[in-house]
Amino acid sequence: MSLSLDALAEEHAEAVEYDLITVGLRLRHLGTDALTWCNLKAVITCSPSTSALYRVRNLSEHEWHLDRLLLTDVVDFLRWLVWAKSADAQQGRNRPEPIPAPA
């Protein structure tokens, strides 16, 4: 357990440090009563999608929260609705492409 956490903390030290700072801890306290390996594991595994560690590990997806996904759906629907009332729709051509979003 500690080897993989250590490797992750070393590879993304700045992001882990930032996330620890937001909860009042520091990476330099690792291995003390202030920050045990179990504490570090909890911070890393339970960090939300808004955390710095999540952002550096998921560069292409970190900005796609529920509100953005729903907004993309609304825009796609409105574009389709406008298209559906057009002459192109009657001919079945130039259907609008959906906005690309992560699965």
N, C-alpha and C. Protein backbone atom coordinates (compact mmCIF):
# COMPACT_ATOMS: atom_id res chain seq x y z
N MET A 1 0.82 -1.18 0.00
CA MET A 1 0.00 0.00 0.00
C MET A 1 0.87 1.26 0.00
N SER A 2 1.84 1.32 0.89
CA SER A 2 2.61 2.56 1.02
C SER A 2 3.49 2.82 -0.20
N LEU A 3 3.94 1.77 -0.89
CA LEU A 3 4.77 2.00 -2.08
C LEU A 3 3.98 2.69 -3.18
N SER A 4 2.75 2.26 -3.43
CA SER A 4 1.97 2.89 -4.49
C SER A 4 1.56 4.30 -4.09
N LEU A 5 1.23 4.51 -2.84
CA LEU A 5 0.92 5.87 -2.38
C LEU A 5 2.15 6.76 -2.46
N ASP A 6 3.29 6.21 -2.08
CA ASP A 6 4.53 6.98 -2.14
C ASP A 6 4.85 7.37 -3.58
N ALA A 7 4.69 6.43 -4.50
CA ALA A 7 4.96 6.72 -5.92
C ALA A 7 3.99 7.79 -6.45
N LEU A 8 2.74 7.68 -6.08
CA LEU A 8 1.75 8.66 -6.52
C LEU A 8 2.04 10.03 -5.92
N ALA A 9 2.38 10.05 -4.63
CA ALA A 9 2.69 11.32 -3.97
C ALA A 9 3.94 11.95 -4.56
N GLU A 10 4.88 11.13 -4.98
CA GLU A 10 6.10 11.67 -5.58
C GLU A 10 5.86 12.15 -7.01
N GLU A 11 5.10 11.39 -7.78
CA GLU A 11 4.84 11.74 -9.18
C GLU A 11 4.02 13.03 -9.29
N HIS A 12 3.08 13.20 -8.38
CA HIS A 12 2.20 14.38 -8.42
C HIS A 12 2.31 15.16 -7.11
N ALA A 13 3.54 15.41 -6.70
CA ALA A 13 3.80 16.02 -5.39
C ALA A 13 3.10 17.36 -5.22
N GLU A 14 3.13 18.21 -6.23
CA GLU A 14 2.52 19.53 -6.09
C GLU A 14 1.01 19.42 -5.91
N ALA A 15 0.37 18.55 -6.67
CA ALA A 15 -1.08 18.39 -6.56
C ALA A 15 -1.46 17.79 -5.21
N VAL A 16 -0.71 16.77 -4.77
CA VAL A 16 -0.99 16.16 -3.47
C VAL A 16 -0.78 17.18 -2.36
N GLU A 17 0.30 17.93 -2.45
CA GLU A 17 0.59 18.96 -1.44
C GLU A 17 -0.53 19.99 -1.39
N TYR A 18 -0.99 20.43 -2.53
CA TYR A 18 -2.07 21.40 -2.58
C TYR A 18 -3.34 20.85 -1.93
N ASP A 19 -3.69 19.62 -2.28
CA ASP A 19 -4.89 19.01 -1.69
C ASP A 19 -4.74 18.86 -0.18
N LEU A 20 -3.55 18.52 0.28
CA LEU A 20 -3.32 18.42 1.72
C LEU A 20 -3.43 19.79 2.40
N ILE A 21 -2.90 20.80 1.75
CA ILE A 21 -2.98 22.16 2.31
C ILE A 21 -4.44 22.58 2.48
N THR A 22 -5.28 22.20 1.53
CA THR A 22 -6.69 22.59 1.62
C THR A 22 -7.40 21.96 2.81
N VAL A 23 -6.85 20.88 3.35
CA VAL A 23 -7.44 20.25 4.55
C VAL A 23 -6.57 20.48 5.78
N GLY A 24 -5.60 21.39 5.67
CA GLY A 24 -4.80 21.78 6.82
C GLY A 24 -3.63 20.87 7.13
N LEU A 25 -3.17 20.12 6.16
CA LEU A 25 -2.03 19.22 6.35
C LEU A 25 -0.90 19.58 5.41
N ARG A 26 0.24 18.94 5.58
CA ARG A 26 1.40 19.12 4.70
C ARG A 26 2.01 17.76 4.41
N LEU A 27 2.58 17.60 3.23
CA LEU A 27 3.22 16.35 2.85
C LEU A 27 4.44 16.07 3.73
N ARG A 28 5.10 17.10 4.21
CA ARG A 28 6.27 16.91 5.07
C ARG A 28 5.90 16.26 6.41
N HIS A 29 4.61 16.25 6.75
CA HIS A 29 4.15 15.61 7.99
C HIS A 29 3.88 14.12 7.81
N LEU A 30 4.07 13.61 6.59
CA LEU A 30 3.79 12.20 6.32
C LEU A 30 4.67 11.31 7.18
N GLY A 31 4.05 10.32 7.80
CA GLY A 31 4.77 9.41 8.67
C GLY A 31 4.72 9.82 10.14
N THR A 32 4.06 10.94 10.43
CA THR A 32 3.90 11.38 11.81
C THR A 32 2.44 11.17 12.22
N ASP A 33 2.14 11.47 13.47
CA ASP A 33 0.76 11.36 13.93
C ASP A 33 -0.15 12.36 13.22
N ALA A 34 0.42 13.45 12.74
CA ALA A 34 -0.38 14.46 12.04
C ALA A 34 -0.87 13.96 10.68
N LEU A 35 -0.06 13.13 10.01
CA LEU A 35 -0.42 12.59 8.70
C LEU A 35 0.15 11.19 8.55
N THR A 36 -0.68 10.21 8.82
CA THR A 36 -0.26 8.81 8.67
C THR A 36 -0.46 8.38 7.22
N TRP A 37 0.06 7.21 6.89
CA TRP A 37 -0.13 6.67 5.55
C TRP A 37 -1.62 6.43 5.29
N CYS A 38 -2.35 6.01 6.31
CA CYS A 38 -3.80 5.81 6.16
C CYS A 38 -4.51 7.13 5.88
N ASN A 39 -4.05 8.21 6.55
CA ASN A 39 -4.61 9.54 6.28
C ASN A 39 -4.36 9.94 4.83
N LEU A 40 -3.14 9.72 4.36
CA LEU A 40 -2.80 10.07 2.98
C LEU A 40 -3.64 9.27 2.00
N LYS A 41 -3.81 7.99 2.29
CA LYS A 41 -4.65 7.15 1.42
C LYS A 41 -6.07 7.69 1.37
N ALA A 42 -6.61 8.08 2.51
CA ALA A 42 -7.97 8.62 2.55
C ALA A 42 -8.08 9.91 1.75
N VAL A 43 -7.11 10.80 1.90
CA VAL A 43 -7.14 12.07 1.16
C VAL A 43 -7.07 11.81 -0.34
N ILE A 44 -6.21 10.88 -0.74
CA ILE A 44 -6.03 10.59 -2.17
C ILE A 44 -7.23 9.86 -2.76
N THR A 45 -7.70 8.81 -2.08
CA THR A 45 -8.77 8.00 -2.66
C THR A 45 -10.14 8.66 -2.57
N CYS A 46 -10.32 9.56 -1.63
CA CYS A 46 -11.62 10.20 -1.45
C CYS A 46 -11.66 11.64 -1.97
N SER A 47 -10.63 12.04 -2.67
CA SER A 47 -10.61 13.42 -3.15
C SER A 47 -11.65 13.60 -4.25
N PRO A 48 -12.35 14.73 -4.23
CA PRO A 48 -13.40 14.96 -5.22
C PRO A 48 -12.83 15.29 -6.59
N SER A 49 -13.70 15.35 -7.57
CA SER A 49 -13.27 15.64 -8.94
C SER A 49 -12.77 17.07 -9.09
N THR A 50 -12.97 17.89 -8.09
CA THR A 50 -12.47 19.27 -8.12
C THR A 50 -11.08 19.39 -7.52
N SER A 51 -10.51 18.29 -7.04
CA SER A 51 -9.19 18.33 -6.40
C SER A 51 -8.08 18.49 -7.44
N ALA A 52 -6.94 18.98 -6.98
CA ALA A 52 -5.79 19.16 -7.86
C ALA A 52 -5.27 17.82 -8.37
N LEU A 53 -5.26 16.81 -7.51
CA LEU A 53 -4.79 15.49 -7.93
C LEU A 53 -5.67 14.91 -9.03
N TYR A 54 -6.97 15.04 -8.89
CA TYR A 54 -7.88 14.55 -9.93
C TYR A 54 -7.61 15.28 -11.25
N ARG A 55 -7.41 16.59 -11.16
CA ARG A 55 -7.18 17.37 -12.39
C ARG A 55 -5.92 16.93 -13.12
N VAL A 56 -4.81 16.68 -12.38
CA VAL A 56 -3.58 16.28 -13.08
C VAL A 56 -3.64 14.85 -13.58
N ARG A 57 -4.44 14.02 -12.97
CA ARG A 57 -4.55 12.63 -13.41
C ARG A 57 -5.60 12.44 -14.50
N ASN A 58 -6.49 13.39 -14.70
CA ASN A 58 -7.57 13.31 -15.68
C ASN A 58 -7.65 14.61 -16.46
N LEU A 59 -6.59 14.94 -17.15
CA LEU A 59 -6.49 16.24 -17.82
C LEU A 59 -7.64 16.50 -18.79
N SER A 60 -8.05 15.51 -19.53
CA SER A 60 -9.06 15.75 -20.55
C SER A 60 -10.47 15.78 -20.00
N GLU A 61 -10.70 15.27 -18.79
CA GLU A 61 -12.06 15.17 -18.28
C GLU A 61 -12.37 16.07 -17.11
N HIS A 62 -11.37 16.67 -16.48
CA HIS A 62 -11.63 17.35 -15.21
C HIS A 62 -12.60 18.53 -15.32
N GLU A 63 -12.76 19.10 -16.49
CA GLU A 63 -13.67 20.22 -16.64
C GLU A 63 -15.10 19.81 -16.96
N TRP A 64 -15.34 18.53 -17.15
CA TRP A 64 -16.66 18.07 -17.54
C TRP A 64 -17.45 17.61 -16.32
N HIS A 65 -17.93 18.55 -15.54
CA HIS A 65 -18.78 18.24 -14.40
C HIS A 65 -20.22 18.14 -14.89
N LEU A 66 -21.10 17.71 -14.01
CA LEU A 66 -22.50 17.49 -14.39
C LEU A 66 -23.12 18.72 -15.03
N ASP A 67 -22.86 19.90 -14.48
CA ASP A 67 -23.47 21.10 -15.05
C ASP A 67 -23.03 21.33 -16.49
N ARG A 68 -21.78 21.07 -16.78
CA ARG A 68 -21.31 21.25 -18.17
C ARG A 68 -21.86 20.17 -19.09
N LEU A 69 -21.98 18.95 -18.60
CA LEU A 69 -22.57 17.90 -19.42
C LEU A 69 -24.03 18.21 -19.73
N LEU A 70 -24.77 18.69 -18.74
CA LEU A 70 -26.17 19.04 -18.97
C LEU A 70 -26.29 20.23 -19.92
N LEU A 71 -25.42 21.21 -19.77
CA LEU A 71 -25.44 22.36 -20.66
C LEU A 71 -25.14 21.94 -22.10
N THR A 72 -24.22 21.02 -22.27
CA THR A 72 -23.91 20.49 -23.60
C THR A 72 -25.13 19.81 -24.20
N ASP A 73 -25.85 19.04 -23.38
CA ASP A 73 -27.07 18.39 -23.86
C ASP A 73 -28.12 19.43 -24.29
N VAL A 74 -28.26 20.50 -23.52
CA VAL A 74 -29.23 21.55 -23.85
C VAL A 74 -28.86 22.21 -25.17
N VAL A 75 -27.60 22.55 -25.33
CA VAL A 75 -27.15 23.20 -26.58
C VAL A 75 -27.37 22.26 -27.76
N ASP A 76 -27.01 20.98 -27.60
CA ASP A 76 -27.22 20.01 -28.69
C ASP A 76 -28.70 19.92 -29.05
N PHE A 77 -29.55 19.88 -28.03
CA PHE A 77 -30.99 19.78 -28.28
C PHE A 77 -31.51 21.02 -29.00
N LEU A 78 -31.08 22.20 -28.57
CA LEU A 78 -31.53 23.43 -29.22
C LEU A 78 -31.06 23.50 -30.67
N ARG A 79 -29.83 23.07 -30.92
CA ARG A 79 -29.33 23.05 -32.30
C ARG A 79 -30.14 22.09 -33.15
N TRP A 80 -30.49 20.94 -32.56
CA TRP A 80 -31.30 19.97 -33.30
C TRP A 80 -32.70 20.52 -33.55
N LEU A 81 -33.27 21.20 -32.55
CA LEU A 81 -34.61 21.77 -32.69
C LEU A 81 -34.65 22.81 -33.80
N VAL A 82 -33.66 23.69 -33.86
CA VAL A 82 -33.59 24.70 -34.93
C VAL A 82 -33.43 24.00 -36.27
N TRP A 83 -32.57 22.98 -36.32
CA TRP A 83 -32.37 22.25 -37.57
C TRP A 83 -33.66 21.56 -38.01
N ALA A 84 -34.42 21.01 -37.05
CA ALA A 84 -35.64 20.26 -37.36
C ALA A 84 -36.68 21.13 -38.07
N LYS A 85 -36.62 22.43 -37.87
CA LYS A 85 -37.57 23.35 -38.50
C LYS A 85 -37.06 23.89 -39.84
N SER A 86 -35.90 23.41 -40.28
CA SER A 86 -35.28 23.96 -41.49
C SER A 86 -35.60 23.10 -42.72
N ALA A 87 -35.28 23.68 -43.87
CA ALA A 87 -35.44 22.95 -45.12
C ALA A 87 -34.48 21.76 -45.19
N ASP A 88 -33.30 21.92 -44.59
CA ASP A 88 -32.34 20.81 -44.57
C ASP A 88 -32.93 19.59 -43.85
N ALA A 89 -33.66 19.82 -42.78
CA ALA A 89 -34.25 18.71 -42.03
C ALA A 89 -35.29 17.98 -42.89
N GLN A 90 -36.04 18.73 -43.68
CA GLN A 90 -37.04 18.11 -44.55
C GLN A 90 -36.38 17.24 -45.61
N GLN A 91 -35.17 17.61 -45.99
CA GLN A 91 -34.42 16.82 -46.96
C GLN A 91 -33.54 15.76 -46.28
N GLY A 92 -33.46 15.81 -44.96
CA GLY A 92 -32.66 14.84 -44.22
C GLY A 92 -31.16 15.05 -44.37
N ARG A 93 -30.73 16.28 -44.49
CA ARG A 93 -29.30 16.56 -44.69
C ARG A 93 -28.81 17.59 -43.68
N ASN A 94 -27.50 17.67 -43.55
CA ASN A 94 -26.83 18.65 -42.68
C ASN A 94 -27.31 18.62 -41.24
N ARG A 95 -27.55 17.42 -40.75
CA ARG A 95 -27.96 17.30 -39.35
C ARG A 95 -26.83 17.81 -38.45
N PRO A 96 -27.14 18.59 -37.41
CA PRO A 96 -26.07 19.14 -36.56
C PRO A 96 -25.34 18.04 -35.79
N GLU A 97 -24.03 18.19 -35.71
CA GLU A 97 -23.21 17.24 -34.95
C GLU A 97 -23.25 17.59 -33.46
N PRO A 98 -23.34 16.60 -32.60
CA PRO A 98 -23.32 16.91 -31.17
C PRO A 98 -21.95 17.42 -30.73
N ILE A 99 -21.94 18.20 -29.67
CA ILE A 99 -20.69 18.71 -29.11
C ILE A 99 -19.94 17.54 -28.50
N PRO A 100 -18.68 17.34 -28.83
CA PRO A 100 -17.94 16.22 -28.26
C PRO A 100 -17.78 16.37 -26.73
N ALA A 101 -18.06 15.30 -26.01
CA ALA A 101 -17.92 15.29 -24.55
C ALA A 101 -17.42 13.90 -24.16
N PRO A 102 -16.76 13.81 -23.01
CA PRO A 102 -16.29 12.49 -22.57
C PRO A 102 -17.46 11.57 -22.30
N ALA A 103 -17.22 10.30 -22.44
CA ALA A 103 -18.28 9.30 -22.23
C ALA A 103 -18.71 9.26 -20.78
